[in-house]
Amino acid sequence: MSPNELVARETKEWLGKALDDLGCARVLAGASHEAGALYHFQQSAEKSLKAFLTWHDQPFRKTHNLKELGDACTTLDPSLETITASAHALTDYAWKLRYPGDPYVIEDGETAAMVELAANVLAEVQTRLPSPIRTE
């Protein structure tokens, strides 16, 4: 397998995981498991951005920080700035609702807004990748 084929395969795997997380989040949200849904929305956006960086052969560290990942993506494609700046709102869901401590109260409409945001991150990333790489 050539290096280009390896990059394509790895990019497609990241996108597949992003799509899986988005699907899981939608199921959880529909079952009123908003905390789990918000976590998976964050994961979907994170994996979408990592797919974009992978396609462009840009290394990234293990992080859940969507601002850091988004900044790296906009360096490669400034047209992603609007969506990556918005995606940063998802960052805290990687930990905010997953551990004990000060309770976080999910506001009305918050989950619905985050499903749209996560879906838009995935969609925007995919429009900037070749068709054979994209997920359904």
Protein backbone atom coordinates (compact mmCIF):
# COMPACT_ATOMS: atom_id res chain seq x y z
CA MET A 1 0.00 0.00 0.00
CA SER A 2 1.40 3.41 -0.97
CA PRO A 3 1.76 6.28 1.52
CA ASN A 4 -1.12 8.09 -0.23
CA GLU A 5 -3.35 5.05 0.16
CA LEU A 6 -2.45 4.81 3.84
CA VAL A 7 -3.33 8.48 4.42
CA ALA A 8 -6.61 8.02 2.55
CA ARG A 9 -7.49 4.95 4.60
CA GLU A 10 -6.63 6.59 7.91
CA THR A 11 -8.58 9.73 6.99
CA LYS A 12 -11.61 7.64 6.07
CA GLU A 13 -11.33 5.78 9.38
CA TRP A 14 -11.34 9.06 11.32
CA LEU A 15 -14.41 10.18 9.37
CA GLY A 16 -16.12 6.85 10.03
CA LYS A 17 -15.51 7.23 13.77
CA ALA A 18 -16.83 10.81 13.62
CA LEU A 19 -19.98 9.60 11.88
CA ASP A 20 -20.40 6.78 14.43
CA ASP A 21 -20.10 9.24 17.32
CA LEU A 22 -22.64 11.55 15.69
CA GLY A 23 -25.06 8.63 15.31
CA CYS A 24 -24.54 7.51 18.91
CA ALA A 25 -25.12 11.04 20.11
CA ARG A 26 -28.38 11.32 18.21
CA VAL A 27 -29.63 8.04 19.67
CA LEU A 28 -28.66 9.11 23.20
CA ALA A 29 -30.29 12.52 22.76
CA GLY A 30 -33.46 10.86 21.51
CA ALA A 31 -33.49 8.68 24.62
CA SER A 32 -33.05 11.73 26.90
CA HIS A 33 -29.44 10.82 27.77
CA GLU A 34 -28.22 14.32 27.09
CA ALA A 35 -24.94 14.08 28.97
CA GLY A 36 -23.82 11.10 26.90
CA ALA A 37 -25.09 12.76 23.73
CA LEU A 38 -23.10 15.93 24.37
CA TYR A 39 -19.95 13.91 24.96
CA HIS A 40 -20.38 12.10 21.65
CA PHE A 41 -21.11 15.36 19.80
CA GLN A 42 -17.75 16.63 21.03
CA GLN A 43 -16.09 13.39 19.97
CA SER A 44 -17.61 13.62 16.50
CA ALA A 45 -16.29 17.14 15.96
CA GLU A 46 -12.87 16.20 17.35
CA LYS A 47 -12.54 13.21 15.03
CA SER A 48 -13.74 15.26 12.05
CA LEU A 49 -10.98 17.81 12.62
CA LYS A 50 -8.42 15.05 13.14
CA ALA A 51 -9.52 13.53 9.82
CA PHE A 52 -8.83 16.82 8.06
CA LEU A 53 -5.39 17.08 9.65
CA THR A 54 -4.64 13.46 8.79
CA TRP A 55 -5.54 14.03 5.14
CA HIS A 56 -3.12 16.97 5.06
CA ASP A 57 -0.41 14.93 6.79
CA GLN A 58 -0.37 17.30 9.75
CA PRO A 59 0.57 15.76 13.08
CA PHE A 60 -1.51 16.51 16.15
CA ARG A 61 -1.16 15.60 19.77
CA LYS A 62 -3.67 13.61 21.79
CA THR A 63 -6.09 16.32 22.83
CA HIS A 64 -9.80 17.02 23.16
CA ASN A 65 -9.24 20.77 22.69
CA LEU A 66 -11.20 21.74 19.60
CA LYS A 67 -9.70 25.24 19.54
CA GLU A 68 -6.22 23.77 19.18
CA LEU A 69 -7.34 21.34 16.49
CA GLY A 70 -9.44 23.97 14.76
CA ASP A 71 -6.55 26.45 14.67
CA ALA A 72 -4.37 23.80 13.03
CA CYS A 73 -7.11 23.17 10.45
CA THR A 74 -7.61 26.86 9.65
CA THR A 75 -3.89 27.24 9.09
CA LEU A 76 -4.32 24.77 6.23
CA ASP A 77 -7.70 26.10 5.05
CA PRO A 78 -8.76 29.54 6.33
CA SER A 79 -12.31 28.95 5.05
CA LEU A 80 -12.80 26.60 8.03
CA GLU A 81 -12.39 29.45 10.52
CA THR A 82 -16.09 30.07 11.13
CA ILE A 83 -16.98 26.44 11.83
CA THR A 84 -13.87 25.71 13.89
CA ALA A 85 -14.40 28.82 16.01
CA SER A 86 -17.95 27.65 16.70
CA ALA A 87 -16.83 24.06 17.35
CA HIS A 88 -14.78 25.21 20.32
CA ALA A 89 -18.08 25.35 22.25
CA LEU A 90 -18.08 21.54 22.22
CA THR A 91 -14.66 21.17 23.88
CA ASP A 92 -15.82 21.09 27.50
CA TYR A 93 -18.25 18.24 26.86
CA ALA A 94 -15.23 15.93 26.69
CA TRP A 95 -15.07 16.17 30.48
CA LYS A 96 -17.80 18.48 31.84
CA LEU A 97 -20.51 15.84 32.25
CA ARG A 98 -18.35 12.75 32.60
CA TYR A 99 -16.88 13.12 36.08
CA PRO A 100 -18.26 13.82 39.54
CA GLY A 101 -17.96 17.28 40.98
CA ASP A 102 -19.87 20.47 40.52
CA PRO A 103 -23.04 19.54 38.68
CA TYR A 104 -23.53 21.04 35.25
CA VAL A 105 -27.12 21.78 34.31
CA ILE A 106 -27.88 21.35 30.63
CA GLU A 107 -29.97 24.25 29.38
CA ASP A 108 -33.10 23.90 27.27
CA GLY A 109 -32.15 23.66 23.62
CA GLU A 110 -28.45 23.09 24.35
CA THR A 111 -28.40 19.51 23.07
CA ALA A 112 -30.29 20.43 19.89
CA ALA A 113 -27.83 23.24 19.18
CA MET A 114 -24.86 20.94 19.71
CA VAL A 115 -26.19 18.22 17.38
CA GLU A 116 -26.42 20.81 14.64
CA LEU A 117 -22.94 22.12 15.40
CA ALA A 118 -21.32 18.66 15.41
CA ALA A 119 -23.09 17.70 12.19
CA ASN A 120 -21.95 20.94 10.55
CA VAL A 121 -18.32 20.35 11.57
CA LEU A 122 -18.38 16.91 9.95
CA ALA A 123 -20.12 18.24 6.84
CA GLU A 124 -17.73 21.18 6.42
CA VAL A 125 -14.69 18.97 6.78
CA GLN A 126 -16.05 16.48 4.28
CA THR A 127 -16.70 19.14 1.63
CA ARG A 128 -12.97 19.85 1.69
CA LEU A 129 -11.94 16.24 1.09
CA PRO A 130 -12.08 14.17 -2.09
CA SER A 131 -15.35 12.28 -2.65
CA PRO A 132 -13.86 8.79 -2.28
CA ILE A 133 -12.69 9.69 1.24
CA ARG A 134 -16.05 11.00 2.49
CA THR A 135 -18.47 9.03 4.64
CA GLU A 136 -22.19 8.73 3.98
